[in-house]
Protein backbone atom coordinates (compact mmCIF):
# COMPACT_ATOMS: atom_id res chain seq x y z
CA UNK A 1 54.81 14.66 60.28
CA UNK A 2 52.04 12.07 59.80
CA UNK A 3 52.10 12.77 56.07
CA UNK A 4 55.85 12.17 55.98
CA UNK A 5 55.52 8.86 57.84
CA UNK A 6 52.71 7.73 55.57
CA UNK A 7 54.73 8.56 52.47
CA UNK A 8 57.70 6.65 53.86
CA UNK A 9 55.56 3.60 54.64
CA UNK A 10 54.09 3.62 51.14
CA UNK A 11 57.57 3.87 49.69
CA UNK A 12 58.77 1.00 51.89
CA UNK A 13 55.85 -1.26 50.93
CA UNK A 14 56.31 -0.50 47.23
CA UNK A 15 60.05 -1.13 47.43
CA UNK A 16 59.61 -4.45 49.21
CA UNK A 17 56.98 -5.56 46.70
CA UNK A 18 59.17 -4.74 43.73
CA UNK A 19 62.02 -6.53 45.47
CA UNK A 20 59.98 -9.74 45.53
CA UNK A 21 61.89 -10.80 42.44
CA UNK A 22 65.47 -10.02 41.52
CA UNK A 23 66.27 -6.94 39.40
CA UNK A 24 67.60 -9.37 36.76
CA UNK A 25 64.23 -11.11 36.50
CA UNK A 26 62.29 -7.87 36.45
CA UNK A 27 64.51 -6.58 33.65
CA UNK A 28 63.87 -9.80 31.72
CA UNK A 29 60.11 -9.25 32.03
CA UNK A 30 60.42 -5.65 30.88
CA UNK A 31 62.55 -6.75 27.90
CA UNK A 32 59.88 -9.28 27.02
CA UNK A 33 57.14 -6.67 27.37
CA UNK A 34 58.92 -4.30 25.02
CA UNK A 35 59.92 -6.98 22.51
CA UNK A 36 56.32 -8.19 22.17
CA UNK A 37 54.74 -4.71 22.03
CA UNK A 38 53.19 -4.87 25.46
CA UNK A 39 51.31 -1.59 25.06
CA UNK A 40 49.13 -3.33 22.46
CA UNK A 41 48.39 -6.43 24.53
CA UNK A 42 44.80 -7.27 25.36
CA UNK A 43 45.82 -7.33 29.01
CA UNK A 44 48.75 -4.94 29.26
CA UNK A 45 51.00 -4.56 32.29
CA UNK A 46 51.11 -1.42 34.37
CA UNK A 47 54.85 -1.42 34.88
CA UNK A 48 54.49 1.17 37.62
CA UNK A 49 52.65 -1.37 39.75
CA UNK A 50 54.14 -4.35 41.62
CA UNK A 51 55.22 -7.27 39.45
CA UNK A 52 52.89 -9.63 41.26
CA UNK A 53 49.95 -7.65 39.85
CA UNK A 54 51.08 -8.07 36.24
CA UNK A 55 48.70 -10.16 34.15
CA UNK A 56 49.85 -13.74 33.57
CA UNK A 57 52.84 -13.58 35.93
CA UNK A 58 53.03 -16.01 38.85
CA UNK A 59 55.64 -15.50 41.56
CA UNK A 60 56.67 -18.09 44.14
CA UNK A 61 59.52 -17.81 46.62
CA UNK A 62 60.56 -14.45 45.18
CA UNK A 63 60.94 -15.78 41.64
CA UNK A 64 58.85 -15.89 38.46
CA UNK A 65 57.67 -19.47 37.97
CA UNK A 66 54.85 -19.06 35.43
CA UNK A 67 54.24 -16.78 32.47
CA UNK A 68 50.79 -17.38 30.94
CA UNK A 69 49.88 -14.95 28.16
CA UNK A 70 47.81 -16.97 25.71
CA UNK A 71 45.54 -15.05 23.30
CA UNK A 72 46.92 -11.71 24.44
CA UNK A 73 47.89 -10.08 21.11
CA UNK A 74 51.63 -10.44 21.51
CA UNK A 75 53.58 -9.28 18.43
CA UNK A 76 57.31 -9.31 17.86
CA UNK A 77 60.07 -11.70 18.89
CA UNK A 78 61.10 -13.62 21.97
CA UNK A 79 64.08 -11.84 23.55
CA UNK A 80 67.13 -13.84 24.56
CA UNK A 81 66.90 -12.35 28.04
CA UNK A 82 63.95 -14.65 28.80
CA UNK A 83 66.70 -17.03 29.88
CA UNK A 84 67.18 -14.86 32.96
CA UNK A 85 63.90 -16.18 34.36
CA UNK A 86 65.90 -19.08 35.71
CA UNK A 87 63.13 -20.46 37.95
CA UNK A 88 60.48 -20.47 35.22
CA UNK A 89 58.45 -23.68 35.10
CA UNK A 90 55.68 -22.77 32.66
CA UNK A 91 55.85 -20.57 29.56
CA UNK A 92 52.49 -20.44 27.79
CA UNK A 93 52.28 -18.01 24.87
CA UNK A 94 49.92 -19.78 22.47
CA UNK A 95 47.51 -18.02 20.08
CA UNK A 96 49.54 -14.86 19.52
CA UNK A 97 51.58 -13.34 16.68
CA UNK A 98 55.11 -13.99 17.90
CA UNK A 99 57.58 -14.24 15.03
CA UNK A 100 61.27 -14.89 14.50
CA UNK A 101 63.35 -17.85 15.61
CA UNK A 102 63.21 -19.76 18.85
CA UNK A 103 66.01 -18.27 20.98
CA UNK A 104 68.76 -20.76 21.77
CA UNK A 105 68.82 -19.25 25.25
CA UNK A 106 65.54 -21.00 26.05
CA UNK A 107 67.76 -23.98 26.72
CA UNK A 108 68.97 -22.21 29.85
CA UNK A 109 65.53 -22.47 31.49
CA UNK A 110 66.51 -25.67 33.27
CA UNK A 111 63.41 -25.77 35.49
CA UNK A 112 60.98 -25.49 32.57
CA UNK A 113 58.22 -28.10 32.55
CA UNK A 114 55.74 -26.65 30.06
CA UNK A 115 56.60 -24.78 26.85
CA UNK A 116 53.61 -23.79 24.73
CA UNK A 117 54.22 -21.56 21.71
CA UNK A 118 51.56 -22.95 19.38
CA UNK A 119 49.54 -20.83 16.92
CA UNK A 120 52.17 -18.16 16.36
CA UNK A 121 54.41 -17.17 13.44
CA UNK A 122 57.69 -18.67 14.59
CA UNK A 123 60.19 -19.72 11.93
CA UNK A 124 63.57 -21.39 11.71
CA UNK A 125 64.63 -24.69 13.26
CA UNK A 126 64.19 -26.19 16.70
CA UNK A 127 67.47 -25.33 18.44
CA UNK A 128 69.31 -28.30 19.93
CA UNK A 129 69.50 -26.34 23.16
CA UNK A 130 65.82 -27.13 23.76
CA UNK A 131 66.67 -30.82 23.94
CA UNK A 132 68.61 -30.22 27.18
CA UNK A 133 65.49 -29.32 29.19
CA UNK A 134 65.35 -32.49 31.26
CA UNK A 135 62.31 -31.43 33.30
CA UNK A 136 60.17 -30.63 30.25
CA UNK A 137 56.82 -32.44 30.24
CA UNK A 138 54.88 -30.57 27.55
CA UNK A 139 56.21 -29.12 24.29
CA UNK A 140 53.60 -27.57 21.99
CA UNK A 141 54.94 -25.82 18.89
CA UNK A 142 52.18 -26.67 16.43
CA UNK A 143 50.79 -24.23 13.85
CA UNK A 144 53.90 -22.16 13.22
CA UNK A 145 56.31 -21.98 10.28
CA UNK A 146 59.15 -24.02 11.75
CA UNK A 147 61.49 -25.81 9.35
CA UNK A 148 64.38 -28.26 9.32
CA UNK A 149 64.60 -31.69 10.90
CA UNK A 150 63.12 -32.75 14.22
CA UNK A 151 66.24 -33.28 16.37
CA UNK A 152 66.98 -36.88 17.30
CA UNK A 153 68.28 -35.41 20.55
CA UNK A 154 64.63 -35.08 21.60
CA UNK A 155 65.38 -38.45 23.20
CA UNK A 156 67.06 -36.48 26.00
CA UNK A 157 63.68 -35.15 27.15
CA UNK A 158 63.06 -38.16 29.36
CA UNK A 159 60.10 -36.60 31.20
CA UNK A 160 58.22 -35.51 28.09
CA UNK A 161 54.54 -36.44 28.08
CA UNK A 162 53.19 -34.37 25.18
CA UNK A 163 55.01 -33.51 21.94
CA UNK A 164 52.83 -31.58 19.50
CA UNK A 165 54.68 -30.30 16.42
CA UNK A 166 51.94 -30.43 13.78
CA UNK A 167 51.22 -27.90 11.03
CA UNK A 168 54.77 -26.73 10.43
CA UNK A 169 57.25 -27.39 7.61
CA UNK A 170 59.47 -30.04 9.17
CA UNK A 171 61.31 -32.27 6.70
CA UNK A 172 63.36 -35.44 6.94
CA UNK A 173 62.36 -38.53 8.88
CA UNK A 174 60.70 -39.12 12.21
CA UNK A 175 63.69 -39.50 14.54
CA UNK A 176 64.15 -42.93 16.12
CA UNK A 177 65.06 -41.22 19.38
CA UNK A 178 61.40 -40.43 19.99
CA UNK A 179 60.98 -44.10 20.82
CA UNK A 180 63.06 -43.55 23.96
CA UNK A 181 60.54 -41.14 25.49
CA UNK A 182 59.03 -43.69 27.84
CA UNK A 183 56.58 -41.23 29.44
CA UNK A 184 55.21 -39.89 26.16
CA UNK A 185 51.40 -39.92 25.98
CA UNK A 186 50.68 -37.68 23.00
CA UNK A 187 52.68 -37.44 19.78
CA UNK A 188 51.37 -35.28 16.95
CA UNK A 189 53.41 -34.53 13.82
CA UNK A 190 50.42 -33.97 11.54
CA UNK A 191 50.66 -31.76 8.44
CA UNK A 192 54.41 -31.53 7.87
CA UNK A 193 56.70 -32.77 5.11
CA UNK A 194 58.10 -35.80 6.91
CA UNK A 195 59.10 -38.80 4.83
CA UNK A 196 60.47 -42.29 5.20
CA UNK A 197 59.15 -45.06 7.41
CA UNK A 198 57.50 -44.73 10.77
CA UNK A 199 60.33 -45.94 13.04
CA UNK A 200 59.92 -49.28 14.83
CA UNK A 201 60.94 -47.55 18.03
CA UNK A 202 57.53 -45.84 18.26
CA UNK A 203 56.21 -49.26 19.26
CA UNK A 204 58.23 -48.99 22.48
CA UNK A 205 56.10 -46.12 23.80
CA UNK A 206 54.01 -48.09 26.28
CA UNK A 207 52.32 -44.97 27.67
CA UNK A 208 51.32 -43.57 24.28
CA UNK A 209 47.64 -42.63 24.04
CA UNK A 210 47.54 -40.55 20.86
CA UNK A 211 49.59 -40.96 17.68
CA UNK A 212 48.76 -38.43 14.96
CA UNK A 213 50.94 -38.57 11.83
CA UNK A 214 48.46 -37.70 9.07
CA UNK A 215 49.22 -35.46 6.10
CA UNK A 216 52.91 -36.15 5.60
CA UNK A 217 54.88 -38.14 3.03
CA UNK A 218 55.50 -41.23 5.14
CA UNK A 219 55.95 -44.56 3.38
CA UNK A 220 56.17 -48.26 4.18
CA UNK A 221 54.09 -50.10 6.73
CA UNK A 222 52.88 -49.49 10.25
CA UNK A 223 55.40 -50.91 12.74
CA UNK A 224 54.16 -54.10 14.35
CA UNK A 225 54.82 -52.79 17.87
CA UNK A 226 52.13 -50.13 17.52
CA UNK A 227 49.46 -52.84 17.63
CA UNK A 228 50.54 -53.88 21.10
CA UNK A 229 50.31 -50.44 22.70
CA UNK A 230 47.58 -51.05 25.28
CA UNK A 231 47.00 -47.37 26.10
CA UNK A 232 46.82 -46.17 22.51
CA UNK A 233 43.32 -44.82 21.88
CA UNK A 234 43.84 -42.51 18.90
CA UNK A 235 45.85 -43.30 15.78
CA UNK A 236 45.74 -41.17 12.63
CA UNK A 237 48.07 -41.90 9.72
CA UNK A 238 45.93 -41.03 6.69
CA UNK A 239 47.07 -38.90 3.76
CA UNK A 240 50.56 -40.37 3.50
CA UNK A 241 52.29 -42.74 1.09
CA UNK A 242 51.91 -45.82 3.27
CA UNK A 243 51.40 -49.22 1.66
CA UNK A 244 47.72 -49.05 2.62
CA UNK A 245 45.24 -46.30 3.35
CA UNK A 246 44.52 -46.83 7.02
CA UNK A 247 41.33 -45.69 8.68
CA UNK A 248 41.82 -43.36 11.63
CA UNK A 249 40.92 -45.13 14.86
CA UNK A 250 39.52 -43.68 18.07
CA UNK A 251 39.30 -46.55 20.55
CA UNK A 252 36.42 -46.63 23.01
CA UNK A 253 37.41 -49.65 25.12
CA UNK A 254 40.48 -51.39 26.53
CA UNK A 255 41.15 -53.60 23.51
CA UNK A 256 44.33 -53.28 21.48
CA UNK A 257 44.40 -51.01 18.45
CA UNK A 258 43.82 -52.72 15.10
CA UNK A 259 44.53 -50.66 12.02
CA UNK A 260 41.97 -51.23 9.28
CA UNK A 261 42.86 -50.69 5.63
CA UNK A 262 40.41 -48.30 4.04
CA UNK A 263 37.77 -49.95 1.84
CA UNK A 264 38.51 -53.36 3.34
CA UNK A 265 36.51 -55.21 5.95
CA UNK A 266 39.20 -57.05 7.85
CA UNK A 267 41.94 -56.02 10.22
CA UNK A 268 45.46 -55.85 8.91
CA UNK A 269 46.99 -59.25 8.52
CA UNK A 270 50.58 -59.88 9.56
CA UNK A 271 51.85 -59.62 6.00
CA UNK A 272 50.91 -55.94 6.06
CA UNK A 273 52.74 -55.30 9.31
CA UNK A 274 56.35 -54.22 9.40
CA UNK A 275 58.53 -56.61 11.36
């Protein structure tokens, strides 16, 4: 009799623990586990144990809010069913071997604040659906094989603070819409195939601290507004086709940034500044 009661209690506890998230969310996690070859992960899940014991999964109020699996030997693709984690706020999957395209269904994660997929093998274009994530603060997609243009609709990401898209194969121009991201602090587009002028609108980013545009095919002059960005402490624009070779600057005090043409001893005069 005691054995029967104990077995029932264990069953009840296990059932309640598994019920801490919806069956739809649990299925999404299992789809993800299978799609990224979970059995080969560095820290694999024991799917027979409660979800709240699974490595990298954070649950709050009976919903998955964080999925942190950096450097965990993930291989394969991101399944579309990730969109069923509707309360997800942080998705951090950097330093893995995830391939394929970015699922358009990621745009359904309306609570997402951090999306980090850097150092993977992702290909294809940035889907416009990602530009609807109004709560997004951090977007790190650097060091992949992404192609196409950077969507001008990025301007919709009004809460974005960090946009790191370096070391991909993006073409076209830097979209003017980036100048509308008033909260942006870090912008890195280094090592792509971007061309054309650096848009004047970048000079509107009053909170910008780091601007890294080196190793592209950018031309023309530095926009005048960049020199008035009081918080800008890092600017790197070397290895482009700009009218001058500018020295990279890492500012150590509260003074304004002054770009310095390489091999010259004076700060850029106004005739070298785009107006």
